[in-house]
C-alpha atoms as a PDB file:
ATOM      1  CA  UNK A   1     109.174  96.834  82.733  1.00  0.00           C
ATOM      2  CA  UNK A   2     110.928  98.351  85.749  1.00  0.00           C
ATOM      3  CA  UNK A   3     110.616 102.158  85.934  1.00  0.00           C
ATOM      4  CA  UNK A   4     107.870 101.815  83.328  1.00  0.00           C
ATOM      5  CA  UNK A   5     106.897 105.470  82.816  1.00  0.00           C
ATOM      6  CA  UNK A   6     110.617 106.619  82.674  1.00  0.00           C
ATOM      7  CA  UNK A   7     111.012 104.652  79.518  1.00  0.00           C
ATOM      8  CA  UNK A   8     108.698 107.203  77.932  1.00  0.00           C
ATOM      9  CA  UNK A   9     110.272 110.106  79.750  1.00  0.00           C
ATOM     10  CA  UNK A  10     113.747 109.064  78.702  1.00  0.00           C
ATOM     11  CA  UNK A  11     115.354 110.522  81.910  1.00  0.00           C
ATOM     12  CA  UNK A  12     118.417 108.351  81.951  1.00  0.00           C
ATOM     13  CA  UNK A  13     120.493 110.129  79.421  1.00  0.00           C
ATOM     14  CA  UNK A  14     123.492 112.001  80.948  1.00  0.00           C
ATOM     15  CA  UNK A  15     126.644 113.869  79.780  1.00  0.00           C
ATOM     16  CA  UNK A  16     128.954 116.617  81.205  1.00  0.00           C
ATOM     17  CA  UNK A  17     127.626 119.589  79.339  1.00  0.00           C
ATOM     18  CA  UNK A  18     126.053 122.829  80.591  1.00  0.00           C
ATOM     19  CA  UNK A  19     122.543 124.043  79.561  1.00  0.00           C
ATOM     20  CA  UNK A  20     122.849 126.494  76.741  1.00  0.00           C
ATOM     21  CA  UNK A  21     121.705 130.072  77.464  1.00  0.00           C
ATOM     22  CA  UNK A  22     119.642 129.975  74.307  1.00  0.00           C
ATOM     23  CA  UNK A  23     117.154 127.777  76.343  1.00  0.00           C
ATOM     24  CA  UNK A  24     116.709 130.019  79.389  1.00  0.00           C
ATOM     25  CA  UNK A  25     113.475 131.778  79.175  1.00  0.00           C
ATOM     26  CA  UNK A  26     112.133 129.806  76.292  1.00  0.00           C
ATOM     27  CA  UNK A  27     108.414 130.463  75.655  1.00  0.00           C
ATOM     28  CA  UNK A  28     105.667 128.052  74.837  1.00  0.00           C
ATOM     29  CA  UNK A  29     104.665 127.826  71.162  1.00  0.00           C
ATOM     30  CA  UNK A  30     103.977 124.066  70.947  1.00  0.00           C
ATOM     31  CA  UNK A  31     101.273 122.868  73.205  1.00  0.00           C
ATOM     32  CA  UNK A  32      97.803 123.853  74.463  1.00  0.00           C
ATOM     33  CA  UNK A  33      96.869 123.979  78.172  1.00  0.00           C
ATOM     34  CA  UNK A  34      94.353 121.126  77.701  1.00  0.00           C
ATOM     35  CA  UNK A  35      96.424 118.726  75.725  1.00  0.00           C
ATOM     36  CA  UNK A  36      96.096 114.960  76.250  1.00  0.00           C
ATOM     37  CA  UNK A  37      98.569 112.314  74.702  1.00  0.00           C
ATOM     38  CA  UNK A  38      98.023 108.595  75.140  1.00  0.00           C
ATOM     39  CA  UNK A  39     100.831 105.957  74.483  1.00  0.00           C
ATOM     40  CA  UNK A  40     101.044 102.228  74.165  1.00  0.00           C
ATOM     41  CA  UNK A  41     104.159 100.518  75.333  1.00  0.00           C
ATOM     42  CA  UNK A  42     105.206  97.335  73.313  1.00  0.00           C
ATOM     43  CA  UNK A  43     107.826  94.899  74.707  1.00  0.00           C
ATOM     44  CA  UNK A  44     109.793  92.291  72.863  1.00  0.00           C
ATOM     45  CA  UNK A  45     112.151  89.572  73.845  1.00  0.00           C
ATOM     46  CA  UNK A  46     112.374  87.381  70.667  1.00  0.00           C
ATOM     47  CA  UNK A  47     111.367  89.951  68.018  1.00  0.00           C
ATOM     48  CA  UNK A  48     107.539  89.779  68.512  1.00  0.00           C
ATOM     49  CA  UNK A  49     106.219  93.038  70.158  1.00  0.00           C
ATOM     50  CA  UNK A  50     103.251  92.756  72.622  1.00  0.00           C
ATOM     51  CA  UNK A  51     101.185  95.471  74.115  1.00  0.00           C
ATOM     52  CA  UNK A  52     102.415  95.554  77.689  1.00  0.00           C
ATOM     53  CA  UNK A  53     101.132  98.785  79.040  1.00  0.00           C
ATOM     54  CA  UNK A  54      99.920 102.402  78.527  1.00  0.00           C
ATOM     55  CA  UNK A  55     100.930 105.882  79.461  1.00  0.00           C
ATOM     56  CA  UNK A  56      98.916 108.978  79.581  1.00  0.00           C
ATOM     57  CA  UNK A  57     100.043 112.659  79.681  1.00  0.00           C
ATOM     58  CA  UNK A  58      97.413 115.275  80.589  1.00  0.00           C
ATOM     59  CA  UNK A  59      97.816 118.921  81.087  1.00  0.00           C
ATOM     60  CA  UNK A  60      95.713 121.715  82.713  1.00  0.00           C
ATOM     61  CA  UNK A  61      96.177 125.445  83.399  1.00  0.00           C
ATOM     62  CA  UNK A  62      96.051 126.089  87.012  1.00  0.00           C
ATOM     63  CA  UNK A  63      97.404 128.495  89.718  1.00  0.00           C
ATOM     64  CA  UNK A  64     100.190 127.588  92.286  1.00  0.00           C
ATOM     65  CA  UNK A  65     100.768 130.220  94.966  1.00  0.00           C
ATOM     66  CA  UNK A  66      98.704 132.706  92.993  1.00  0.00           C
ATOM     67  CA  UNK A  67     101.002 132.125  89.855  1.00  0.00           C
ATOM     68  CA  UNK A  68      99.624 130.651  86.625  1.00  0.00           C
ATOM     69  CA  UNK A  69     101.207 127.254  85.872  1.00  0.00           C
ATOM     70  CA  UNK A  70     100.889 124.287  83.518  1.00  0.00           C
ATOM     71  CA  UNK A  71     100.079 121.268  85.666  1.00  0.00           C
ATOM     72  CA  UNK A  72     101.064 118.037  83.855  1.00  0.00           C
ATOM     73  CA  UNK A  73     100.238 114.570  85.036  1.00  0.00           C
ATOM     74  CA  UNK A  74     101.915 111.560  83.672  1.00  0.00           C
ATOM     75  CA  UNK A  75     100.654 108.138  84.436  1.00  0.00           C
ATOM     76  CA  UNK A  76     101.890 104.674  83.472  1.00  0.00           C
ATOM     77  CA  UNK A  77     100.294 101.325  83.993  1.00  0.00           C
ATOM     78  CA  UNK A  78     101.132  97.751  83.074  1.00  0.00           C
ATOM     79  CA  UNK A  79      98.124  95.975  81.261  1.00  0.00           C
ATOM     80  CA  UNK A  80      96.171  93.858  83.808  1.00  0.00           C
ATOM     81  CA  UNK A  81      97.076  90.667  81.942  1.00  0.00           C
ATOM     82  CA  UNK A  82     100.734  91.361  82.788  1.00  0.00           C
ATOM     83  CA  UNK A  83     100.263  92.471  86.405  1.00  0.00           C
ATOM     84  CA  UNK A  84     101.053  89.010  87.716  1.00  0.00           C
ATOM     85  CA  UNK A  85     104.505  89.221  85.952  1.00  0.00           C
ATOM     86  CA  UNK A  86     105.266  92.856  86.852  1.00  0.00           C
ATOM     87  CA  UNK A  87     102.653  95.286  88.205  1.00  0.00           C
ATOM     88  CA  UNK A  88     103.170  98.979  87.509  1.00  0.00           C
ATOM     89  CA  UNK A  89     101.266 101.911  88.733  1.00  0.00           C
ATOM     90  CA  UNK A  90     103.306 105.189  88.233  1.00  0.00           C
ATOM     91  CA  UNK A  91     102.242 108.794  88.611  1.00  0.00           C
ATOM     92  CA  UNK A  92     104.276 111.911  87.921  1.00  0.00           C
ATOM     93  CA  UNK A  93     103.185 115.566  88.364  1.00  0.00           C
ATOM     94  CA  UNK A  94     104.941 118.755  87.321  1.00  0.00           C
ATOM     95  CA  UNK A  95     103.834 122.428  87.903  1.00  0.00           C
ATOM     96  CA  UNK A  96     105.873 124.686  85.719  1.00  0.00           C
ATOM     97  CA  UNK A  97     105.352 128.449  85.100  1.00  0.00           C
ATOM     98  CA  UNK A  98     103.658 129.600  81.924  1.00  0.00           C
ATOM     99  CA  UNK A  99     105.958 132.425  81.128  1.00  0.00           C
ATOM    100  CA  UNK A 100     109.384 130.530  80.938  1.00  0.00           C
ATOM    101  CA  UNK A 101     108.460 126.792  81.399  1.00  0.00           C
ATOM    102  CA  UNK A 102     110.543 126.578  84.611  1.00  0.00           C
ATOM    103  CA  UNK A 103     109.515 124.017  87.196  1.00  0.00           C
ATOM    104  CA  UNK A 104     108.063 125.067  90.539  1.00  0.00           C
ATOM    105  CA  UNK A 105     106.867 121.678  91.950  1.00  0.00           C
ATOM    106  CA  UNK A 106     107.465 117.974  90.956  1.00  0.00           C
ATOM    107  CA  UNK A 107     105.727 114.914  92.587  1.00  0.00           C
ATOM    108  CA  UNK A 108     106.728 111.394  91.858  1.00  0.00           C
ATOM    109  CA  UNK A 109     104.652 108.240  93.164  1.00  0.00           C
ATOM    110  CA  UNK A 110     105.631 105.059  91.818  1.00  0.00           C
ATOM    111  CA  UNK A 111     104.856 101.471  92.427  1.00  0.00           C
ATOM    112  CA  UNK A 112     106.895  99.049  90.249  1.00  0.00           C
ATOM    113  CA  UNK A 113     106.809  95.289  90.990  1.00  0.00           C
ATOM    114  CA  UNK A 114     106.872  95.947  94.705  1.00  0.00           C
ATOM    115  CA  UNK A 115     109.366  98.810  94.538  1.00  0.00           C
ATOM    116  CA  UNK A 116     107.728 101.974  95.775  1.00  0.00           C
ATOM    117  CA  UNK A 117     108.954 105.605  95.961  1.00  0.00           C
ATOM    118  CA  UNK A 118     107.449 108.862  96.600  1.00  0.00           C
ATOM    119  CA  UNK A 119     109.300 112.118  95.826  1.00  0.00           C
ATOM    120  CA  UNK A 120     108.291 115.705  96.332  1.00  0.00           C
ATOM    121  CA  UNK A 121     110.416 118.671  95.115  1.00  0.00           C
ATOM    122  CA  UNK A 122     109.766 122.301  95.456  1.00  0.00           C
ATOM    123  CA  UNK A 123     111.876 124.644  93.129  1.00  0.00           C
ATOM    124  CA  UNK A 124     112.866 128.186  94.144  1.00  0.00           C
ATOM    125  CA  UNK A 125     113.890 129.986  90.935  1.00  0.00           C
ATOM    126  CA  UNK A 126     115.107 133.061  92.845  1.00  0.00           C
ATOM    127  CA  UNK A 127     117.603 131.076  94.959  1.00  0.00           C
ATOM    128  CA  UNK A 128     118.229 128.275  92.442  1.00  0.00           C
ATOM    129  CA  UNK A 129     117.527 125.717  94.937  1.00  0.00           C
ATOM    130  CA  UNK A 130     115.575 122.546  95.051  1.00  0.00           C
ATOM    131  CA  UNK A 131     113.954 121.270  98.355  1.00  0.00           C
ATOM    132  CA  UNK A 132     113.232 117.507  98.897  1.00  0.00           C
ATOM    133  CA  UNK A 133     112.704 115.437 101.854  1.00  0.00           C
ATOM    134  CA  UNK A 134     116.454 115.070 101.906  1.00  0.00           C
ATOM    135  CA  UNK A 135     117.113 118.864 102.321  1.00  0.00           C
ATOM    136  CA  UNK A 136     117.980 121.697 100.074  1.00  0.00           C
ATOM    137  CA  UNK A 137     120.021 121.379  96.937  1.00  0.00           C
ATOM    138  CA  UNK A 138     121.738 124.008  94.779  1.00  0.00           C
ATOM    139  CA  UNK A 139     120.671 123.762  91.167  1.00  0.00           C
ATOM    140  CA  UNK A 140     121.708 125.602  88.088  1.00  0.00           C
ATOM    141  CA  UNK A 141     119.648 128.383  86.250  1.00  0.00           C
ATOM    142  CA  UNK A 142     116.971 126.963  84.100  1.00  0.00           C
ATOM    143  CA  UNK A 143     116.970 123.449  85.444  1.00  0.00           C
ATOM    144  CA  UNK A 144     114.101 121.119  84.507  1.00  0.00           C
ATOM    145  CA  UNK A 145     112.313 118.146  86.125  1.00  0.00           C
ATOM    146  CA  UNK A 146     111.445 114.838  84.412  1.00  0.00           C
ATOM    147  CA  UNK A 147     108.125 116.159  83.054  1.00  0.00           C
ATOM    148  CA  UNK A 148     108.750 119.796  82.461  1.00  0.00           C
ATOM    149  CA  UNK A 149     111.859 118.909  80.411  1.00  0.00           C
ATOM    150  CA  UNK A 150     109.693 117.083  77.750  1.00  0.00           C
ATOM    151  CA  UNK A 151     107.405 120.008  77.227  1.00  0.00           C
ATOM    152  CA  UNK A 152     110.378 122.417  77.421  1.00  0.00           C
ATOM    153  CA  UNK A 153     112.228 120.310  74.558  1.00  0.00           C
ATOM    154  CA  UNK A 154     109.075 120.395  72.407  1.00  0.00           C
ATOM    155  CA  UNK A 155     109.620 124.072  71.971  1.00  0.00           C
ATOM    156  CA  UNK A 156     113.151 123.813  70.628  1.00  0.00           C
ATOM    157  CA  UNK A 157     113.489 125.107  67.138  1.00  0.00           C
ATOM    158  CA  UNK A 158     115.140 122.239  65.471  1.00  0.00           C
ATOM    159  CA  UNK A 159     115.592 124.266  62.155  1.00  0.00           C
ATOM    160  CA  UNK A 160     118.486 125.998  63.834  1.00  0.00           C
ATOM    161  CA  UNK A 161     120.548 122.885  64.056  1.00  0.00           C
ATOM    162  CA  UNK A 162     122.596 120.671  61.903  1.00  0.00           C
ATOM    163  CA  UNK A 163     122.709 116.895  61.869  1.00  0.00           C
ATOM    164  CA  UNK A 164     124.797 115.530  64.795  1.00  0.00           C
ATOM    165  CA  UNK A 165     124.382 118.820  66.736  1.00  0.00           C
ATOM    166  CA  UNK A 166     124.063 118.288  70.576  1.00  0.00           C
ATOM    167  CA  UNK A 167     121.363 120.312  72.409  1.00  0.00           C
ATOM    168  CA  UNK A 168     122.070 120.509  76.091  1.00  0.00           C
ATOM    169  CA  UNK A 169     119.943 121.184  79.277  1.00  0.00           C
ATOM    170  CA  UNK A 170     119.876 120.344  82.837  1.00  0.00           C
ATOM    171  CA  UNK A 171     117.563 118.202  85.068  1.00  0.00           C
ATOM    172  CA  UNK A 172     117.181 117.624  88.771  1.00  0.00           C
ATOM    173  CA  UNK A 173     116.126 114.074  89.915  1.00  0.00           C
ATOM    174  CA  UNK A 174     116.761 111.850  92.901  1.00  0.00           C
ATOM    175  CA  UNK A 175     118.536 114.750  94.671  1.00  0.00           C
ATOM    176  CA  UNK A 176     121.071 115.163  91.700  1.00  0.00           C
ATOM    177  CA  UNK A 177     121.672 117.559  88.844  1.00  0.00           C
ATOM    178  CA  UNK A 178     122.080 115.888  85.498  1.00  0.00           C
ATOM    179  CA  UNK A 179     123.570 117.568  82.560  1.00  0.00           C
ATOM    180  CA  UNK A 180     121.873 116.188  79.508  1.00  0.00           C
ATOM    181  CA  UNK A 181     121.744 116.454  75.799  1.00  0.00           C
ATOM    182  CA  UNK A 182     119.973 115.215  72.719  1.00  0.00           C
ATOM    183  CA  UNK A 183     121.731 114.676  69.451  1.00  0.00           C
ATOM    184  CA  UNK A 184     119.747 115.902  66.538  1.00  0.00           C
ATOM    185  CA  UNK A 185     119.565 113.426  63.622  1.00  0.00           C
ATOM    186  CA  UNK A 186     117.498 115.301  61.150  1.00  0.00           C
ATOM    187  CA  UNK A 187     114.115 114.663  59.513  1.00  0.00           C
ATOM    188  CA  UNK A 188     112.706 111.388  58.200  1.00  0.00           C
ATOM    189  CA  UNK A 189     109.430 109.503  57.758  1.00  0.00           C
ATOM    190  CA  UNK A 190     108.386 107.257  60.585  1.00  0.00           C
ATOM    191  CA  UNK A 191     105.818 104.450  60.474  1.00  0.00           C
ATOM    192  CA  UNK A 192     104.062 103.800  63.864  1.00  0.00           C
ATOM    193  CA  UNK A 193     101.188 101.639  65.076  1.00  0.00           C
ATOM    194  CA  UNK A 194      98.997 104.711  64.751  1.00  0.00           C
ATOM    195  CA  UNK A 195     100.170 105.898  61.248  1.00  0.00           C
ATOM    196  CA  UNK A 196     102.870 107.331  59.091  1.00  0.00           C
ATOM    197  CA  UNK A 197     104.343 110.792  59.803  1.00  0.00           C
ATOM    198  CA  UNK A 198     106.926 113.388  58.823  1.00  0.00           C
ATOM    199  CA  UNK A 199     109.150 113.254  61.907  1.00  0.00           C
ATOM    200  CA  UNK A 200     112.282 115.019  63.563  1.00  0.00           C
ATOM    201  CA  UNK A 201     114.526 112.307  64.956  1.00  0.00           C
ATOM    202  CA  UNK A 202     117.194 112.606  67.848  1.00  0.00           C
ATOM    203  CA  UNK A 203     119.051 110.294  70.266  1.00  0.00           C
ATOM    204  CA  UNK A 204     119.483 110.952  73.923  1.00  0.00           C
ATOM    205  CA  UNK A 205     122.865 109.654  75.398  1.00  0.00           C
ATOM    206  CA  UNK A 206     121.832 106.899  77.898  1.00  0.00           C
ATOM    207  CA  UNK A 207     123.497 106.205  81.336  1.00  0.00           C
ATOM    208  CA  UNK A 208     124.064 102.448  81.860  1.00  0.00           C
ATOM    209  CA  UNK A 209     121.428 101.426  84.351  1.00  0.00           C
ATOM    210  CA  UNK A 210     118.987  98.666  85.424  1.00  0.00           C
ATOM    211  CA  UNK A 211     116.972  98.987  82.137  1.00  0.00           C
ATOM    212  CA  UNK A 212     119.093 100.744  79.707  1.00  0.00           C
ATOM    213  CA  UNK A 213     122.477 100.016  78.292  1.00  0.00           C
ATOM    214  CA  UNK A 214     124.957 103.013  78.130  1.00  0.00           C
ATOM    215  CA  UNK A 215     125.482 105.019  74.975  1.00  0.00           C
ATOM    216  CA  UNK A 216     123.252 106.483  72.175  1.00  0.00           C
ATOM    217  CA  UNK A 217     121.036 103.458  71.525  1.00  0.00           C
ATOM    218  CA  UNK A 218     117.488 105.026  72.039  1.00  0.00           C
ATOM    219  CA  UNK A 219     115.861 106.752  69.138  1.00  0.00           C
ATOM    220  CA  UNK A 220     113.073 109.333  69.447  1.00  0.00           C
ATOM    221  CA  UNK A 221     110.798 110.776  66.829  1.00  0.00           C
ATOM    222  CA  UNK A 222     108.623 113.816  67.311  1.00  0.00           C
ATOM    223  CA  UNK A 223     106.095 115.254  64.890  1.00  0.00           C
ATOM    224  CA  UNK A 224     107.610 117.623  62.263  1.00  0.00           C
ATOM    225  CA  UNK A 225     104.909 120.205  62.774  1.00  0.00           C
ATOM    226  CA  UNK A 226     104.493 123.171  65.332  1.00  0.00           C
ATOM    227  CA  UNK A 227     103.205 120.537  67.935  1.00  0.00           C
ATOM    228  CA  UNK A 228     106.442 118.469  68.186  1.00  0.00           C
ATOM    229  CA  UNK A 229     104.526 115.643  70.092  1.00  0.00           C
ATOM    230  CA  UNK A 230     106.464 112.513  70.669  1.00  0.00           C
ATOM    231  CA  UNK A 231     105.420 109.912  68.121  1.00  0.00           C
ATOM    232  CA  UNK A 232     107.706 106.909  68.737  1.00  0.00           C
ATOM    233  CA  UNK A 233     110.537 105.847  71.090  1.00  0.00           C
ATOM    234  CA  UNK A 234     112.543 102.737  70.416  1.00  0.00           C
ATOM    235  CA  UNK A 235     115.317 101.334  72.686  1.00  0.00           C
ATOM    236  CA  UNK A 236     117.012  97.941  73.537  1.00  0.00           C
ATOM    237  CA  UNK A 237     116.739  97.316  77.271  1.00  0.00           C
ATOM    238  CA  UNK A 238     118.376  94.915  79.648  1.00  0.00           C
ATOM    239  CA  UNK A 239     116.259  91.983  78.339  1.00  0.00           C
ATOM    240  CA  UNK A 240     114.630  92.684  75.074  1.00  0.00           C
ATOM    241  CA  UNK A 241     113.542  95.858  73.638  1.00  0.00           C
ATOM    242  CA  UNK A 242     110.718  98.344  73.780  1.00  0.00           C
ATOM    243  CA  UNK A 243     108.718 100.566  71.372  1.00  0.00           C
ATOM    244  CA  UNK A 244     106.376 103.402  72.607  1.00  0.00           C
ATOM    245  CA  UNK A 245     103.759 104.671  70.176  1.00  0.00           C
ATOM    246  CA  UNK A 246     101.378 107.634  70.438  1.00  0.00           C
ATOM    247  CA  UNK A 247      97.976 106.203  69.830  1.00  0.00           C
ATOM    248  CA  UNK A 248      95.659 108.968  70.772  1.00  0.00           C
ATOM    249  CA  UNK A 249      95.667 112.696  71.136  1.00  0.00           C
ATOM    250  CA  UNK A 250      93.235 115.379  72.182  1.00  0.00           C
ATOM    251  CA  UNK A 251      93.219 119.278  72.178  1.00  0.00           C
ATOM    252  CA  UNK A 252      96.491 119.820  70.287  1.00  0.00           C
ATOM    253  CA  UNK A 253      97.443 123.426  69.672  1.00  0.00           C
ATOM    254  CA  UNK A 254      97.747 123.019  65.941  1.00  0.00           C
ATOM    255  CA  UNK A 255      96.504 120.451  63.366  1.00  0.00           C
ATOM    256  CA  UNK A 256      98.786 117.454  63.270  1.00  0.00           C
ATOM    257  CA  UNK A 257     100.015 118.325  59.647  1.00  0.00           C
ATOM    258  CA  UNK A 258     102.965 115.887  59.932  1.00  0.00           C
ATOM    259  CA  UNK A 259     100.539 112.938  59.334  1.00  0.00           C
ATOM    260  CA  UNK A 260     100.853 111.193  55.962  1.00  0.00           C
ATOM    261  CA  UNK A 261      98.389 108.385  56.727  1.00  0.00           C
ATOM    262  CA  UNK A 262      96.541 106.794  59.635  1.00  0.00           C
ATOM    263  CA  UNK A 263      96.089 103.123  60.097  1.00  0.00           C
ATOM    264  CA  UNK A 264      92.482 101.763  59.975  1.00  0.00           C
END
């Protein structure tokens, strides 16, 4: 359960590639400014999955320094019945511009089993710098933060790619720049706790860390419709495995036409 919300954000994948110019200046065609997505996190050690926590992503249209921005808040909490084992209360925020989906501010406030961390990052797109409590850091053009990268990636036109193509981009986290990619795996039907969907599948390449093993062991499915909302994430972790399923949504930009059936 450590770094609970990062399981959903999938920020641990890393590889030495440069972000493609195709994704600089990408425009939003996937999400509405009032969208809300709610997920359940299921954890298993011996093959039986239990509902261990929830995560919510909510978006609002606001202004930052007189500039219109999308303000996304991601919150992750362990269920109260599991707090005595490992209590999690995570909150992430990102402000990114509405024109090109580039981050302007990122806030991270996490409490995970006694581990606490607060991070506050200001991005300057003109000077390509990120300012944190540790100082100023040079970042590449079109760099993303943890949350903005999710909404940015939802606007990728997957129809342009062939199976096994790698789609690169860069992210700034913990005062470091990570060159990331996702490997496109094509389209298939996925069955989740919510229902059955037509989906787009890809794998991020994971860095070996405290939770995840290294390599391409995580699978992600997003809806095969214009919304591209994450439907399911599956991955082995250091002890056991996790599944993260979308369970509720509100204010999508388009009808969820990828739905085949919904569980009663």
